[in-house]
Amino acid sequence: MITAPFVTVPTQARTVQGVCLILGPVLNAAATFLWTDGRHGVVGGALVAWSCVLWLPGLLGLWEIVRSSRPVLGSVGAALAVIGSFGGIAFGLQGFYEGAFGLDKQQSLDALAAYPLTSQLVLWLPGPMFPLMLVLLAVALARTRSAPMWMWAVLGIGGVLWPVSRIPRIEAIAHVADLAVLVPSVGLGAMLIASALPLRPARSAASA
């Protein structure tokens, strides 16, 4: 029998990941309060972009925990986290530049329509990967039993509500989605800081 070693993460790295897992959704939730007619604007857009930058290390820390026992699931989830964060940064910067250049919604869409392929690659395809990743993360945390039930359940609800609020730009639902993602993320971040999340060994494999 060949048994893979336990995944070890330095305490300092776990602390950074935990702090990022808290700061990321906090900035995202704050940005929603700055919506004007469903648009982020200069400050809101900047907050969204930085939210995704800061959130990503924490999300990758969670996916590393998943990957230690479910390698394929953890690797796919980590890739979705990177792609989804890229989309979130792009949408944040879109709001930033709309505000900076005084563009309304229709003017922004008309400008993007001139570059259909690039717009798909930068905004419309990677953007939905973020809420999809959140739902998949909730499932992964449940299957690996790496977090309390309420945390992954609420996180999954937040992931489902995310596009429901963002696509039609319904502010009330957006606040609920933000809260549903923020609360378990803060809890998971605190657990990372306290090194309370279990790091499981990869499944053993028999050798000939």
Protein backbone atom coordinates (compact mmCIF):
# COMPACT_ATOMS: atom_id res chain seq x y z
CA MET A 1 0.00 0.00 0.00
CA ILE A 2 1.21 3.50 -0.84
CA THR A 3 -0.36 6.17 1.32
CA ALA A 4 -0.08 9.79 0.27
CA PRO A 5 1.19 12.13 3.01
CA PHE A 6 -1.09 14.56 4.77
CA VAL A 7 -1.39 17.94 3.15
CA THR A 8 0.40 20.43 5.37
CA VAL A 9 -0.14 24.17 5.20
CA PRO A 10 1.99 26.62 7.22
CA THR A 11 0.10 28.42 9.96
CA GLN A 12 0.95 31.80 8.44
CA ALA A 13 -0.54 30.75 5.08
CA ARG A 14 -3.71 29.48 6.74
CA THR A 15 -4.02 32.81 8.57
CA VAL A 16 -3.67 34.79 5.34
CA GLN A 17 -6.22 32.54 3.62
CA GLY A 18 -8.65 32.98 6.50
CA VAL A 19 -8.31 36.76 6.53
CA CYS A 20 -8.84 36.85 2.74
CA LEU A 21 -11.92 34.66 3.11
CA ILE A 22 -13.35 37.31 5.43
CA LEU A 23 -12.26 40.50 3.64
CA GLY A 24 -13.34 39.39 0.15
CA PRO A 25 -17.07 38.95 0.81
CA VAL A 26 -17.10 41.98 3.15
CA LEU A 27 -15.94 44.24 0.31
CA ASN A 28 -18.37 42.58 -2.09
CA ALA A 29 -21.28 43.16 0.28
CA ALA A 30 -20.24 46.79 0.77
CA ALA A 31 -20.16 47.35 -3.00
CA THR A 32 -23.82 46.40 -3.36
CA PHE A 33 -24.83 49.32 -1.13
CA LEU A 34 -23.28 51.61 -3.76
CA TRP A 35 -25.47 50.38 -6.63
CA THR A 36 -27.11 53.14 -8.68
CA ASP A 37 -29.76 51.83 -11.06
CA GLY A 38 -28.13 48.43 -10.79
CA ARG A 39 -24.65 49.73 -11.70
CA HIS A 40 -21.65 49.67 -9.38
CA GLY A 41 -20.07 52.98 -10.29
CA VAL A 42 -16.47 54.01 -9.63
CA VAL A 43 -16.17 53.14 -5.94
CA GLY A 44 -18.45 50.10 -6.06
CA GLY A 45 -16.67 48.72 -9.10
CA ALA A 46 -13.30 49.13 -7.43
CA LEU A 47 -14.59 47.34 -4.33
CA VAL A 48 -15.89 44.44 -6.42
CA ALA A 49 -12.56 44.08 -8.22
CA TRP A 50 -10.56 44.12 -4.99
CA SER A 51 -13.10 41.81 -3.38
CA CYS A 52 -12.32 39.12 -5.95
CA VAL A 53 -8.57 39.68 -5.65
CA LEU A 54 -8.66 39.23 -1.88
CA TRP A 55 -11.28 36.47 -1.87
CA LEU A 56 -9.36 34.17 -4.21
CA PRO A 57 -6.54 33.07 -1.82
CA GLY A 58 -9.12 32.09 0.78
CA LEU A 59 -11.20 30.15 -1.73
CA LEU A 60 -8.10 28.34 -3.00
CA GLY A 61 -7.31 27.44 0.60
CA LEU A 62 -10.72 25.78 0.95
CA TRP A 63 -10.34 23.97 -2.36
CA GLU A 64 -6.93 22.69 -1.24
CA ILE A 65 -8.65 21.11 1.75
CA VAL A 66 -11.15 19.48 -0.58
CA ARG A 67 -8.41 18.38 -2.98
CA SER A 68 -6.54 16.53 -0.22
CA SER A 69 -9.30 13.91 -0.18
CA ARG A 70 -11.09 14.55 -3.50
CA PRO A 71 -8.29 15.44 -5.97
CA VAL A 72 -10.43 15.82 -9.09
CA LEU A 73 -13.19 17.80 -7.38
CA GLY A 74 -10.68 20.02 -5.62
CA SER A 75 -8.73 20.71 -8.82
CA VAL A 76 -11.86 21.54 -10.83
CA GLY A 77 -13.13 23.78 -8.05
CA ALA A 78 -9.83 25.66 -7.80
CA ALA A 79 -9.86 26.27 -11.55
CA LEU A 80 -13.44 27.58 -11.37
CA ALA A 81 -12.43 29.86 -8.49
CA VAL A 82 -9.66 31.43 -10.58
CA ILE A 83 -11.86 31.81 -13.69
CA GLY A 84 -14.81 33.13 -11.69
CA SER A 85 -12.62 35.62 -9.84
CA PHE A 86 -11.28 36.85 -13.16
CA GLY A 87 -14.86 37.41 -14.29
CA GLY A 88 -15.68 39.23 -11.07
CA ILE A 89 -12.69 41.53 -11.47
CA ALA A 90 -13.74 42.24 -15.05
CA PHE A 91 -17.29 43.14 -14.01
CA GLY A 92 -15.94 45.33 -11.21
CA LEU A 93 -13.67 47.20 -13.61
CA GLN A 94 -16.56 47.51 -16.06
CA GLY A 95 -18.50 49.36 -13.36
CA PHE A 96 -15.45 51.44 -12.52
CA TYR A 97 -14.93 52.58 -16.10
CA GLU A 98 -18.65 53.15 -16.68
CA GLY A 99 -18.62 55.56 -13.77
CA ALA A 100 -15.32 57.16 -14.70
CA PHE A 101 -16.39 57.84 -18.29
CA GLY A 102 -20.03 58.62 -17.52
CA LEU A 103 -21.51 55.72 -19.49
CA ASP A 104 -25.03 54.52 -18.83
CA LYS A 105 -26.11 50.89 -19.10
CA GLN A 106 -27.11 51.03 -22.76
CA GLN A 107 -23.95 52.85 -23.82
CA SER A 108 -21.85 50.24 -22.03
CA LEU A 109 -23.71 47.35 -23.69
CA ASP A 110 -23.46 49.01 -27.10
CA ALA A 111 -19.71 49.39 -26.67
CA LEU A 112 -19.34 45.72 -25.70
CA ALA A 113 -21.49 44.64 -28.65
CA ALA A 114 -18.75 45.83 -30.97
CA TYR A 115 -16.51 43.11 -29.54
CA PRO A 116 -18.77 40.05 -29.15
CA LEU A 117 -16.10 37.34 -28.89
CA THR A 118 -13.86 39.26 -26.51
CA SER A 119 -16.83 40.26 -24.36
CA GLN A 120 -17.84 36.61 -24.06
CA LEU A 121 -14.33 35.61 -23.00
CA VAL A 122 -13.85 38.46 -20.55
CA LEU A 123 -17.33 38.95 -19.04
CA TRP A 124 -20.22 36.72 -20.02
CA LEU A 125 -18.50 33.32 -19.78
CA PRO A 126 -16.22 33.67 -16.72
CA GLY A 127 -18.71 35.74 -14.71
CA PRO A 128 -21.21 32.90 -14.05
CA MET A 129 -18.35 30.61 -13.00
CA PHE A 130 -18.12 32.36 -9.63
CA PRO A 131 -21.60 31.52 -8.29
CA LEU A 132 -21.31 28.06 -9.88
CA MET A 133 -18.06 27.61 -7.96
CA LEU A 134 -19.74 28.67 -4.70
CA VAL A 135 -22.47 26.06 -5.13
CA LEU A 136 -19.90 23.40 -6.00
CA LEU A 137 -17.82 24.43 -2.97
CA ALA A 138 -20.85 23.98 -0.74
CA VAL A 139 -21.36 20.48 -2.15
CA ALA A 140 -17.66 19.68 -1.77
CA LEU A 141 -17.54 20.85 1.85
CA ALA A 142 -20.59 18.73 2.57
CA ARG A 143 -19.19 15.60 0.91
CA THR A 144 -15.81 15.91 2.62
CA ARG A 145 -17.40 16.92 5.92
CA SER A 146 -14.91 19.76 6.17
CA ALA A 147 -17.35 22.30 7.62
CA PRO A 148 -20.53 22.42 9.74
CA MET A 149 -23.76 21.75 7.88
CA TRP A 150 -25.17 25.26 8.31
CA MET A 151 -22.09 26.79 6.71
CA TRP A 152 -22.14 24.82 3.47
CA ALA A 153 -25.95 24.96 3.30
CA VAL A 154 -26.11 28.75 3.58
CA LEU A 155 -23.15 29.12 1.22
CA GLY A 156 -24.96 27.03 -1.38
CA ILE A 157 -28.09 29.18 -1.03
CA GLY A 158 -25.96 32.27 -1.51
CA GLY A 159 -24.44 30.81 -4.66
CA VAL A 160 -27.89 30.11 -6.10
CA LEU A 161 -29.21 33.58 -5.23
CA TRP A 162 -26.15 35.30 -6.70
CA PRO A 163 -27.18 35.16 -10.39
CA VAL A 164 -30.85 35.54 -9.45
CA SER A 165 -29.99 38.98 -8.07
CA ARG A 166 -27.14 40.05 -10.36
CA ILE A 167 -28.62 39.26 -13.77
CA PRO A 168 -31.86 41.29 -13.34
CA ARG A 169 -30.08 43.66 -10.90
CA ILE A 170 -32.56 43.25 -8.04
CA GLU A 171 -30.93 45.05 -5.13
CA ALA A 172 -32.98 43.49 -2.32
CA ILE A 173 -32.13 39.94 -3.45
CA ALA A 174 -28.51 40.99 -3.98
CA HIS A 175 -28.23 42.01 -0.32
CA VAL A 176 -29.70 38.67 0.76
CA ALA A 177 -27.28 36.81 -1.52
CA ASP A 178 -24.35 38.84 -0.18
CA LEU A 179 -25.32 38.05 3.40
CA ALA A 180 -25.84 34.35 2.61
CA VAL A 181 -22.31 34.19 1.21
CA LEU A 182 -20.71 36.51 3.76
CA VAL A 183 -21.80 34.75 6.95
CA PRO A 184 -20.47 31.26 6.14
CA SER A 185 -17.36 32.76 4.52
CA VAL A 186 -16.55 34.62 7.72
CA GLY A 187 -17.14 31.42 9.69
CA LEU A 188 -14.92 29.40 7.37
CA GLY A 189 -12.28 32.11 7.46
CA ALA A 190 -12.28 32.05 11.25
CA MET A 191 -11.92 28.27 11.17
CA LEU A 192 -8.98 28.54 8.80
CA ILE A 193 -7.31 31.07 11.07
CA ALA A 194 -7.89 28.78 14.04
CA SER A 195 -6.69 25.79 11.93
CA ALA A 196 -9.97 24.09 12.77
CA LEU A 197 -10.75 22.90 9.24
CA PRO A 198 -9.57 19.31 8.80
CA LEU A 199 -6.89 18.53 6.24
CA ARG A 200 -7.57 15.01 5.05
CA PRO A 201 -5.06 12.72 3.37
CA ALA A 202 -5.58 11.76 -0.24
CA ARG A 203 -7.11 8.33 -0.78
CA SER A 204 -4.60 5.53 -0.55
CA ALA A 205 -3.86 3.47 -3.63
CA ALA A 206 -2.69 -0.12 -3.83
CA SER A 207 0.44 -0.87 -5.76
CA ALA A 208 1.27 -4.09 -7.52
